Amino acid sequence: YQKVWVDWTGRKTENVNESFLAGTSGKLNLGNIIFENYIFMYHFAATAIRDSSFQIRDNGGGIVMLGYEFKRKFSGKFSAGIVHSYDRRRPDAFQHADGFYSNINLNYKRINLNLIHYRGEGLSFAFGDQFCTTKMYTRFDSEIDIIKHKNVNLNFQCSFHFFDKEIENSLKVNLWFFINNNNKYSKL
């Protein structure tokens, strides 16, 4: 499959900047071998009132990965690829950054473990988190489904972030209510 999307986030008026996000993402399965991609662009322009100090911003990037996916007693995925970002505030030149990205994901019953590693130049994504700007970043997520019912799911996630010789952590609790049991849900 390949998905394409556009989100017009601002229509130019005297008070609102023209802006939009556009992108594509997809996955190709060849048996257990997988190819994945995610590419996006963000454009932020001026309001209808001319301002010579304002710089139009074009920002974006993407990732392409090759991997292996399996399902046995437990399931998992190993993938690796390249990441690229670009940023430009007109009339300045484009700033580019590249790096290597890898991901290992293992699932067994109600437990999910995920390890992400990035190494390369500091990326520049307008809506990316701070970790994207580091030259080396590793993240380890451990997640457990506490309640897994046809109408309610509750899970807990603990994450550790390793970057710039620092360690940070984050915790997350997800609660889903399924309506009519056909994958329509509300998430709190």
N, C-alpha and C. Protein backbone atom coordinates (compact mmCIF):
# COMPACT_ATOMS: atom_id res chain seq x y z
N TYR A 1 0.83 -1.18 0.00
CA TYR A 1 0.00 0.00 0.00
C TYR A 1 0.87 1.24 0.00
N GLN A 2 0.32 2.32 -0.47
CA GLN A 2 0.97 3.62 -0.42
C GLN A 2 -0.11 4.65 -0.13
N LYS A 3 0.06 5.41 0.93
CA LYS A 3 -0.90 6.45 1.32
C LYS A 3 -0.33 7.81 0.96
N VAL A 4 -1.19 8.70 0.51
CA VAL A 4 -0.80 10.08 0.23
C VAL A 4 -1.76 10.97 1.00
N TRP A 5 -1.25 12.02 1.63
CA TRP A 5 -2.11 12.89 2.42
C TRP A 5 -1.65 14.35 2.31
N VAL A 6 -2.61 15.24 2.49
CA VAL A 6 -2.35 16.68 2.53
C VAL A 6 -3.19 17.26 3.66
N ASP A 7 -2.59 18.11 4.47
CA ASP A 7 -3.30 18.78 5.55
C ASP A 7 -3.04 20.27 5.41
N TRP A 8 -4.06 20.98 4.93
CA TRP A 8 -3.95 22.42 4.75
C TRP A 8 -4.15 23.05 6.12
N THR A 9 -3.07 23.51 6.75
CA THR A 9 -3.14 23.96 8.14
C THR A 9 -3.34 25.46 8.29
N GLY A 10 -3.28 26.21 7.21
CA GLY A 10 -3.52 27.64 7.30
C GLY A 10 -3.78 28.27 5.95
N ARG A 11 -4.92 28.90 5.81
CA ARG A 11 -5.27 29.61 4.58
C ARG A 11 -4.90 31.08 4.77
N LYS A 12 -4.17 31.62 3.81
CA LYS A 12 -3.63 32.98 3.93
C LYS A 12 -4.73 34.02 4.10
N THR A 13 -4.65 34.77 5.20
CA THR A 13 -5.51 35.93 5.45
C THR A 13 -4.60 37.02 6.03
N GLU A 14 -5.18 38.10 6.48
CA GLU A 14 -4.37 39.16 7.08
C GLU A 14 -3.73 38.71 8.38
N ASN A 15 -4.34 37.75 9.07
CA ASN A 15 -3.84 37.31 10.38
C ASN A 15 -3.32 35.88 10.39
N VAL A 16 -3.57 35.11 9.34
CA VAL A 16 -3.20 33.69 9.32
C VAL A 16 -2.17 33.44 8.23
N ASN A 17 -1.11 32.72 8.59
CA ASN A 17 -0.09 32.34 7.61
C ASN A 17 -0.58 31.20 6.75
N GLU A 18 -0.17 31.22 5.49
CA GLU A 18 -0.47 30.09 4.61
C GLU A 18 0.47 28.96 5.01
N SER A 19 -0.07 27.76 5.22
CA SER A 19 0.78 26.63 5.59
C SER A 19 0.08 25.32 5.25
N PHE A 20 0.88 24.31 4.95
CA PHE A 20 0.34 22.97 4.72
C PHE A 20 1.40 21.92 4.99
N LEU A 21 0.93 20.72 5.27
CA LEU A 21 1.75 19.52 5.38
C LEU A 21 1.30 18.56 4.29
N ALA A 22 2.24 17.88 3.65
CA ALA A 22 1.90 16.88 2.65
C ALA A 22 2.88 15.73 2.78
N GLY A 23 2.42 14.54 2.46
CA GLY A 23 3.33 13.42 2.58
C GLY A 23 2.80 12.14 1.99
N THR A 24 3.63 11.13 2.07
CA THR A 24 3.28 9.81 1.60
C THR A 24 3.98 8.78 2.49
N SER A 25 3.33 7.66 2.70
CA SER A 25 3.94 6.57 3.45
C SER A 25 3.44 5.26 2.86
N GLY A 26 4.27 4.24 2.95
CA GLY A 26 3.85 2.98 2.36
C GLY A 26 4.68 1.82 2.83
N LYS A 27 4.21 0.64 2.45
CA LYS A 27 4.87 -0.60 2.84
C LYS A 27 4.66 -1.63 1.73
N LEU A 28 5.71 -2.33 1.38
CA LEU A 28 5.66 -3.39 0.39
C LEU A 28 6.17 -4.67 1.05
N ASN A 29 5.35 -5.73 1.05
CA ASN A 29 5.74 -7.03 1.61
C ASN A 29 6.09 -7.97 0.47
N LEU A 30 7.26 -8.56 0.55
CA LEU A 30 7.68 -9.61 -0.38
C LEU A 30 8.01 -10.83 0.47
N GLY A 31 6.96 -11.56 0.87
CA GLY A 31 7.14 -12.62 1.86
C GLY A 31 7.44 -11.98 3.19
N ASN A 32 8.55 -12.36 3.80
CA ASN A 32 8.95 -11.77 5.07
C ASN A 32 9.79 -10.51 4.91
N ILE A 33 10.24 -10.23 3.71
CA ILE A 33 11.04 -9.03 3.43
C ILE A 33 10.08 -7.85 3.26
N ILE A 34 10.41 -6.72 3.89
CA ILE A 34 9.55 -5.54 3.79
C ILE A 34 10.36 -4.32 3.35
N PHE A 35 9.69 -3.45 2.63
CA PHE A 35 10.24 -2.15 2.25
C PHE A 35 9.24 -1.12 2.73
N GLU A 36 9.70 -0.12 3.52
CA GLU A 36 8.82 0.91 4.05
C GLU A 36 9.38 2.29 3.72
N ASN A 37 8.47 3.25 3.59
CA ASN A 37 8.90 4.63 3.37
C ASN A 37 7.93 5.59 4.03
N TYR A 38 8.46 6.76 4.38
CA TYR A 38 7.66 7.85 4.92
C TYR A 38 8.35 9.13 4.48
N ILE A 39 7.65 9.97 3.73
CA ILE A 39 8.21 11.21 3.19
C ILE A 39 7.20 12.32 3.43
N PHE A 40 7.67 13.49 3.88
CA PHE A 40 6.74 14.58 4.11
C PHE A 40 7.37 15.93 3.78
N MET A 41 6.52 16.94 3.60
CA MET A 41 6.94 18.31 3.36
C MET A 41 6.06 19.24 4.16
N TYR A 42 6.67 20.27 4.76
CA TYR A 42 5.95 21.31 5.48
C TYR A 42 6.29 22.64 4.82
N HIS A 43 5.27 23.44 4.52
CA HIS A 43 5.46 24.75 3.90
C HIS A 43 4.77 25.79 4.78
N PHE A 44 5.51 26.85 5.12
CA PHE A 44 4.98 27.91 5.98
C PHE A 44 5.30 29.24 5.31
N ALA A 45 4.26 29.95 4.87
CA ALA A 45 4.44 31.21 4.14
C ALA A 45 3.84 32.37 4.94
N ALA A 46 3.93 33.54 4.37
CA ALA A 46 3.51 34.76 5.06
C ALA A 46 1.99 34.92 5.08
N THR A 47 1.55 35.93 5.83
CA THR A 47 0.15 36.34 5.82
C THR A 47 -0.09 37.21 4.59
N ALA A 48 -1.30 37.67 4.40
CA ALA A 48 -1.63 38.52 3.26
C ALA A 48 -1.01 39.91 3.38
N ILE A 49 -0.59 40.29 4.57
CA ILE A 49 0.06 41.58 4.79
C ILE A 49 1.55 41.42 4.53
N ARG A 50 2.09 42.20 3.63
CA ARG A 50 3.51 42.09 3.27
C ARG A 50 4.41 42.45 4.45
N ASP A 51 5.42 41.61 4.68
CA ASP A 51 6.41 41.84 5.73
C ASP A 51 7.76 41.42 5.17
N SER A 52 8.63 42.36 4.89
CA SER A 52 9.91 42.06 4.24
C SER A 52 10.85 41.27 5.15
N SER A 53 10.60 41.25 6.45
CA SER A 53 11.48 40.51 7.36
C SER A 53 11.09 39.03 7.46
N PHE A 54 9.91 38.66 6.95
CA PHE A 54 9.42 37.29 7.06
C PHE A 54 10.13 36.39 6.05
N GLN A 55 10.49 35.20 6.47
CA GLN A 55 11.10 34.22 5.58
C GLN A 55 10.18 33.03 5.40
N ILE A 56 9.90 32.69 4.16
CA ILE A 56 9.12 31.48 3.85
C ILE A 56 9.96 30.27 4.24
N ARG A 57 9.33 29.28 4.87
CA ARG A 57 10.05 28.09 5.30
C ARG A 57 9.54 26.86 4.56
N ASP A 58 10.46 26.09 4.00
CA ASP A 58 10.19 24.78 3.42
C ASP A 58 11.00 23.78 4.22
N ASN A 59 10.33 22.76 4.74
CA ASN A 59 10.98 21.81 5.64
C ASN A 59 10.41 20.43 5.34
N GLY A 60 11.24 19.43 5.49
CA GLY A 60 10.72 18.08 5.27
C GLY A 60 11.81 17.05 5.30
N GLY A 61 11.47 15.89 4.80
CA GLY A 61 12.43 14.80 4.76
C GLY A 61 11.72 13.48 4.65
N GLY A 62 12.46 12.45 4.96
CA GLY A 62 11.87 11.13 4.87
C GLY A 62 12.82 10.04 5.29
N ILE A 63 12.28 8.86 5.26
CA ILE A 63 13.04 7.67 5.62
C ILE A 63 12.62 6.53 4.69
N VAL A 64 13.59 5.75 4.25
CA VAL A 64 13.33 4.52 3.50
C VAL A 64 14.04 3.40 4.24
N MET A 65 13.33 2.27 4.41
CA MET A 65 13.87 1.17 5.20
C MET A 65 13.63 -0.17 4.52
N LEU A 66 14.54 -1.06 4.74
CA LEU A 66 14.42 -2.44 4.31
C LEU A 66 14.44 -3.29 5.57
N GLY A 67 13.59 -4.30 5.62
CA GLY A 67 13.53 -5.07 6.85
C GLY A 67 13.03 -6.49 6.67
N TYR A 68 12.88 -7.16 7.80
CA TYR A 68 12.43 -8.54 7.86
C TYR A 68 11.36 -8.62 8.95
N GLU A 69 10.21 -9.21 8.62
CA GLU A 69 9.08 -9.32 9.55
C GLU A 69 8.74 -10.80 9.72
N PHE A 70 8.44 -11.22 10.95
CA PHE A 70 8.11 -12.63 11.16
C PHE A 70 7.02 -12.78 12.22
N LYS A 71 6.33 -13.93 12.14
CA LYS A 71 5.29 -14.27 13.11
C LYS A 71 5.41 -15.76 13.41
N ARG A 72 5.81 -16.06 14.63
CA ARG A 72 5.91 -17.44 15.09
C ARG A 72 5.26 -17.50 16.46
N LYS A 73 5.94 -18.06 17.47
CA LYS A 73 5.43 -17.99 18.84
C LYS A 73 5.34 -16.54 19.28
N PHE A 74 6.28 -15.76 18.81
CA PHE A 74 6.24 -14.31 19.01
C PHE A 74 6.46 -13.67 17.66
N SER A 75 6.10 -12.42 17.54
CA SER A 75 6.27 -11.72 16.27
C SER A 75 7.30 -10.61 16.43
N GLY A 76 7.79 -10.15 15.31
CA GLY A 76 8.77 -9.09 15.37
C GLY A 76 9.12 -8.54 14.02
N LYS A 77 9.95 -7.51 14.06
CA LYS A 77 10.39 -6.85 12.84
C LYS A 77 11.77 -6.25 13.09
N PHE A 78 12.66 -6.44 12.14
CA PHE A 78 13.96 -5.81 12.13
C PHE A 78 14.02 -4.97 10.87
N SER A 79 14.38 -3.71 10.98
CA SER A 79 14.49 -2.87 9.79
C SER A 79 15.58 -1.84 9.97
N ALA A 80 16.12 -1.39 8.85
CA ALA A 80 17.16 -0.37 8.86
C ALA A 80 17.06 0.43 7.57
N GLY A 81 17.51 1.67 7.65
CA GLY A 81 17.45 2.50 6.45
C GLY A 81 18.12 3.84 6.64
N ILE A 82 17.86 4.72 5.69
CA ILE A 82 18.46 6.04 5.72
C ILE A 82 17.38 7.09 5.94
N VAL A 83 17.78 8.15 6.65
CA VAL A 83 16.91 9.28 6.96
C VAL A 83 17.53 10.52 6.34
N HIS A 84 16.69 11.38 5.80
CA HIS A 84 17.16 12.65 5.24
C HIS A 84 16.21 13.76 5.68
N SER A 85 16.76 14.91 6.02
CA SER A 85 15.92 16.08 6.31
C SER A 85 16.47 17.28 5.56
N TYR A 86 15.58 18.21 5.25
CA TYR A 86 16.00 19.46 4.64
C TYR A 86 15.22 20.60 5.30
N ASP A 87 15.84 21.76 5.30
CA ASP A 87 15.20 22.94 5.88
C ASP A 87 15.70 24.15 5.11
N ARG A 88 14.77 25.02 4.75
CA ARG A 88 15.15 26.23 4.03
C ARG A 88 14.27 27.38 4.47
N ARG A 89 14.90 28.47 4.83
CA ARG A 89 14.20 29.72 5.09
C ARG A 89 14.65 30.67 3.98
N ARG A 90 13.73 30.88 3.04
CA ARG A 90 14.08 31.67 1.85
C ARG A 90 14.48 33.08 2.22
N PRO A 91 15.47 33.64 1.56
CA PRO A 91 16.21 33.19 0.38
C PRO A 91 17.47 32.39 0.70
N ASP A 92 17.68 31.98 1.96
CA ASP A 92 18.87 31.21 2.33
C ASP A 92 18.88 29.86 1.61
N ALA A 93 20.03 29.23 1.60
CA ALA A 93 20.19 27.93 0.94
C ALA A 93 19.57 26.82 1.79
N PHE A 94 19.32 25.69 1.14
CA PHE A 94 18.82 24.50 1.84
C PHE A 94 19.88 23.97 2.80
N GLN A 95 19.45 23.52 3.96
CA GLN A 95 20.30 22.82 4.92
C GLN A 95 19.88 21.35 4.89
N HIS A 96 20.81 20.45 4.66
CA HIS A 96 20.49 19.02 4.55
C HIS A 96 21.18 18.25 5.69
N ALA A 97 20.56 17.17 6.10
CA ALA A 97 21.15 16.28 7.10
C ALA A 97 20.75 14.84 6.77
N ASP A 98 21.66 13.92 7.00
CA ASP A 98 21.43 12.50 6.70
C ASP A 98 21.89 11.64 7.87
N GLY A 99 21.31 10.45 7.94
CA GLY A 99 21.72 9.53 8.98
C GLY A 99 21.22 8.12 8.75
N PHE A 100 21.62 7.22 9.63
CA PHE A 100 21.24 5.81 9.59
C PHE A 100 20.24 5.54 10.71
N TYR A 101 19.19 4.80 10.40
CA TYR A 101 18.13 4.51 11.36
C TYR A 101 17.91 3.00 11.39
N SER A 102 17.75 2.45 12.59
CA SER A 102 17.43 1.02 12.70
C SER A 102 16.36 0.83 13.78
N ASN A 103 15.59 -0.24 13.63
CA ASN A 103 14.49 -0.51 14.54
C ASN A 103 14.36 -2.02 14.73
N ILE A 104 14.23 -2.44 15.98
CA ILE A 104 13.96 -3.84 16.32
C ILE A 104 12.70 -3.84 17.18
N ASN A 105 11.72 -4.64 16.78
CA ASN A 105 10.46 -4.72 17.51
C ASN A 105 10.13 -6.19 17.76
N LEU A 106 9.83 -6.53 19.02
CA LEU A 106 9.47 -7.89 19.40
C LEU A 106 8.18 -7.87 20.20
N ASN A 107 7.26 -8.78 19.88
CA ASN A 107 5.97 -8.88 20.57
C ASN A 107 5.75 -10.32 21.03
N TYR A 108 5.39 -10.47 22.30
CA TYR A 108 5.05 -11.78 22.82
C TYR A 108 3.84 -11.63 23.73
N LYS A 109 2.73 -12.22 23.34
CA LYS A 109 1.48 -12.13 24.07
C LYS A 109 1.14 -10.67 24.36
N ARG A 110 1.24 -10.23 25.62
CA ARG A 110 0.86 -8.86 26.00
C ARG A 110 2.05 -7.92 26.16
N ILE A 111 3.23 -8.37 25.75
CA ILE A 111 4.45 -7.57 25.94
C ILE A 111 5.01 -7.16 24.58
N ASN A 112 5.38 -5.89 24.47
CA ASN A 112 5.96 -5.36 23.25
C ASN A 112 7.26 -4.63 23.63
N LEU A 113 8.35 -4.99 22.97
CA LEU A 113 9.65 -4.33 23.18
C LEU A 113 10.08 -3.70 21.87
N ASN A 114 10.58 -2.49 21.92
CA ASN A 114 10.97 -1.77 20.71
C ASN A 114 12.28 -1.03 20.97
N LEU A 115 13.23 -1.18 20.07
CA LEU A 115 14.52 -0.51 20.18
C LEU A 115 14.77 0.26 18.89
N ILE A 116 14.99 1.57 19.01
CA ILE A 116 15.27 2.44 17.87
C ILE A 116 16.66 3.02 18.06
N HIS A 117 17.42 3.09 16.98
CA HIS A 117 18.74 3.73 17.05
C HIS A 117 18.94 4.62 15.83
N TYR A 118 19.43 5.84 16.07
CA TYR A 118 19.75 6.77 14.99
C TYR A 118 21.18 7.26 15.18
N ARG A 119 21.91 7.35 14.07
CA ARG A 119 23.25 7.91 14.10
C ARG A 119 23.46 8.68 12.80
N GLY A 120 23.90 9.93 12.94
CA GLY A 120 24.14 10.75 11.76
C GLY A 120 24.18 12.21 12.13
N GLU A 121 23.85 13.04 11.17
CA GLU A 121 23.81 14.47 11.40
C GLU A 121 22.53 14.83 12.14
N GLY A 122 22.53 15.94 12.86
CA GLY A 122 21.32 16.38 13.55
C GLY A 122 20.24 16.74 12.55
N LEU A 123 19.10 16.08 12.63
CA LEU A 123 18.01 16.30 11.68
C LEU A 123 17.24 17.56 12.03
N SER A 124 16.55 18.10 11.05
CA SER A 124 15.74 19.31 11.26
C SER A 124 14.33 19.05 10.75
N PHE A 125 13.43 18.70 11.66
CA PHE A 125 12.02 18.52 11.32
C PHE A 125 11.22 19.54 12.10
N ALA A 126 10.39 20.32 11.40
CA ALA A 126 9.64 21.40 12.04
C ALA A 126 8.79 20.89 13.19
N PHE A 127 8.24 19.69 13.08
CA PHE A 127 7.39 19.15 14.13
C PHE A 127 8.00 17.93 14.80
N GLY A 128 9.30 17.72 14.63
CA GLY A 128 9.97 16.60 15.27
C GLY A 128 10.32 16.93 16.71
N ASP A 129 10.51 15.90 17.51
CA ASP A 129 10.87 16.19 18.89
C ASP A 129 12.37 16.51 18.98
N GLN A 130 12.78 16.96 20.14
CA GLN A 130 14.14 17.43 20.36
C GLN A 130 15.17 16.35 20.08
N PHE A 131 14.82 15.10 20.29
CA PHE A 131 15.77 14.01 20.09
C PHE A 131 16.24 13.92 18.64
N CYS A 132 15.42 14.39 17.70
CA CYS A 132 15.78 14.34 16.28
C CYS A 132 16.99 15.19 15.95
N THR A 133 17.29 16.19 16.78
CA THR A 133 18.38 17.11 16.47
C THR A 133 19.74 16.59 16.93
N THR A 134 19.79 15.48 17.64
CA THR A 134 21.06 14.95 18.13
C THR A 134 21.73 14.11 17.05
N LYS A 135 23.03 13.88 17.22
CA LYS A 135 23.78 13.11 16.23
C LYS A 135 23.70 11.61 16.50
N MET A 136 23.33 11.25 17.74
CA MET A 136 23.14 9.85 18.08
C MET A 136 22.02 9.76 19.10
N TYR A 137 21.05 8.91 18.82
CA TYR A 137 19.89 8.78 19.69
C TYR A 137 19.46 7.32 19.71
N THR A 138 19.23 6.79 20.91
CA THR A 138 18.72 5.44 21.07
C THR A 138 17.51 5.51 21.99
N ARG A 139 16.48 4.78 21.64
CA ARG A 139 15.25 4.75 22.44
C ARG A 139 14.85 3.30 22.65
N PHE A 140 14.53 2.99 23.91
CA PHE A 140 14.04 1.65 24.24
C PHE A 140 12.66 1.79 24.86
N ASP A 141 11.65 1.15 24.26
CA ASP A 141 10.28 1.16 24.75
C ASP A 141 9.92 -0.23 25.23
N SER A 142 9.32 -0.31 26.42
CA SER A 142 8.73 -1.56 26.88
C SER A 142 7.26 -1.26 27.17
N GLU A 143 6.42 -2.09 26.63
CA GLU A 143 4.97 -1.85 26.73
C GLU A 143 4.27 -3.14 27.13
N ILE A 144 3.30 -3.02 28.01
CA ILE A 144 2.52 -4.18 28.44
C ILE A 144 1.04 -3.85 28.37
N ASP A 145 0.28 -4.79 27.81
CA ASP A 145 -1.18 -4.67 27.79
C ASP A 145 -1.72 -5.19 29.11
N ILE A 146 -2.26 -4.29 29.91
CA ILE A 146 -2.80 -4.67 31.21
C ILE A 146 -4.18 -5.28 31.05
N ILE A 147 -5.02 -4.65 30.23
CA ILE A 147 -6.34 -5.16 29.90
C ILE A 147 -6.44 -5.25 28.39
N LYS A 148 -6.79 -6.41 27.88
CA LYS A 148 -6.97 -6.60 26.44
C LYS A 148 -8.31 -7.31 26.25
N HIS A 149 -9.36 -6.54 26.07
CA HIS A 149 -10.72 -7.03 25.99
C HIS A 149 -11.31 -6.56 24.67
N LYS A 150 -12.38 -7.19 24.21
CA LYS A 150 -12.96 -6.80 22.92
C LYS A 150 -13.48 -5.37 22.93
N ASN A 151 -13.82 -4.80 24.09
CA ASN A 151 -14.34 -3.43 24.15
C ASN A 151 -13.41 -2.43 24.82
N VAL A 152 -12.41 -2.90 25.55
CA VAL A 152 -11.52 -2.00 26.28
C VAL A 152 -10.09 -2.53 26.22
N ASN A 153 -9.16 -1.64 25.93
CA ASN A 153 -7.73 -1.96 26.03
C ASN A 153 -7.06 -0.93 26.92
N LEU A 154 -6.19 -1.41 27.80
CA LEU A 154 -5.41 -0.54 28.67
C LEU A 154 -3.98 -1.02 28.61
N ASN A 155 -3.05 -0.12 28.27
CA ASN A 155 -1.65 -0.54 28.30
C ASN A 155 -0.78 0.56 28.90
N PHE A 156 0.39 0.14 29.32
CA PHE A 156 1.36 0.99 29.99
C PHE A 156 2.67 0.90 29.23
N GLN A 157 3.30 2.05 29.00
CA GLN A 157 4.57 2.09 28.28
C GLN A 157 5.61 2.87 29.08
N CYS A 158 6.80 2.31 29.18
CA CYS A 158 7.93 2.97 29.81
C CYS A 158 9.03 3.07 28.76
N SER A 159 9.54 4.27 28.53
CA SER A 159 10.56 4.49 27.50
C SER A 159 11.80 5.13 28.10
N PHE A 160 12.95 4.73 27.57
CA PHE A 160 14.22 5.32 27.95
C PHE A 160 14.87 5.91 26.70
N HIS A 161 15.38 7.14 26.82
CA HIS A 161 15.97 7.88 25.71
C HIS A 161 17.44 8.13 26.05
N PHE A 162 18.33 7.69 25.17
CA PHE A 162 19.77 7.86 25.36
C PHE A 162 20.28 8.80 24.27
N PHE A 163 20.81 9.98 24.66
CA PHE A 163 21.30 10.96 23.69
C PHE A 163 22.28 11.91 24.37
N ASP A 164 23.26 12.38 23.62
CA ASP A 164 24.23 13.36 24.13
C ASP A 164 24.71 13.04 25.54
N LYS A 165 25.04 11.79 25.80
CA LYS A 165 25.54 11.33 27.11
C LYS A 165 24.54 11.56 28.23
N GLU A 166 23.27 11.61 27.89
CA GLU A 166 22.20 11.76 28.88
C GLU A 166 21.22 10.61 28.74
N ILE A 167 20.47 10.37 29.82
CA ILE A 167 19.39 9.39 29.81
C ILE A 167 18.14 10.08 30.33
N GLU A 168 17.08 9.99 29.56
CA GLU A 168 15.78 10.53 29.96
C GLU A 168 14.78 9.37 29.93
N ASN A 169 13.66 9.54 30.58
CA ASN A 169 12.63 8.51 30.48
C ASN A 169 11.27 9.17 30.35
N SER A 170 10.33 8.40 29.84
CA SER A 170 8.95 8.87 29.73
C SER A 170 8.02 7.70 29.99
N LEU A 171 6.85 8.01 30.52
CA LEU A 171 5.84 7.00 30.83
C LEU A 171 4.55 7.38 30.12
N LYS A 172 3.81 6.36 29.68
CA LYS A 172 2.56 6.62 28.97
C LYS A 172 1.55 5.54 29.32
N VAL A 173 0.31 5.96 29.55
CA VAL A 173 -0.80 5.03 29.76
C VAL A 173 -1.82 5.29 28.66
N ASN A 174 -2.20 4.26 27.93
CA ASN A 174 -3.21 4.37 26.87
C ASN A 174 -4.46 3.60 27.27
N LEU A 175 -5.61 4.21 27.06
CA LEU A 175 -6.89 3.57 27.33
C LEU A 175 -7.75 3.73 26.08
N TRP A 176 -8.19 2.60 25.50
CA TRP A 176 -9.05 2.62 24.32
C TRP A 176 -10.40 2.01 24.66
N PHE A 177 -11.46 2.64 24.17
CA PHE A 177 -12.82 2.09 24.25
C PHE A 177 -13.27 1.77 22.84
N PHE A 178 -13.61 0.53 22.57
CA PHE A 178 -14.06 0.13 21.25
C PHE A 178 -15.58 0.20 21.18
N ILE A 179 -16.07 0.83 20.14
CA ILE A 179 -17.51 0.98 19.93
C ILE A 179 -17.94 0.03 18.83
N ASN A 180 -18.98 -0.74 19.04
CA ASN A 180 -19.52 -1.70 18.08
C ASN A 180 -18.52 -2.79 17.69
N ASN A 181 -17.41 -2.86 18.41
CA ASN A 181 -16.42 -3.92 18.21
C ASN A 181 -15.96 -4.08 16.76
N ASN A 182 -15.90 -2.98 15.99
CA ASN A 182 -15.40 -3.09 14.61
C ASN A 182 -14.27 -2.09 14.39
N ASN A 183 -13.35 -2.05 15.35
CA ASN A 183 -12.13 -1.25 15.29
C ASN A 183 -12.36 0.26 15.26
N LYS A 184 -13.53 0.71 15.62
CA LYS A 184 -13.74 2.13 15.83
C LYS A 184 -13.52 2.35 17.31
N TYR A 185 -12.69 3.31 17.65
CA TYR A 185 -12.37 3.48 19.07
C TYR A 185 -12.24 4.94 19.45
N SER A 186 -12.35 5.15 20.74
CA SER A 186 -12.05 6.43 21.36
C SER A 186 -10.85 6.21 22.25
N LYS A 187 -9.87 7.10 22.18
CA LYS A 187 -8.65 6.95 22.95
C LYS A 187 -8.56 8.09 23.96
N LEU A 188 -8.30 7.75 25.21
CA LEU A 188 -8.12 8.76 26.26
C LEU A 188 -6.65 8.89 26.57
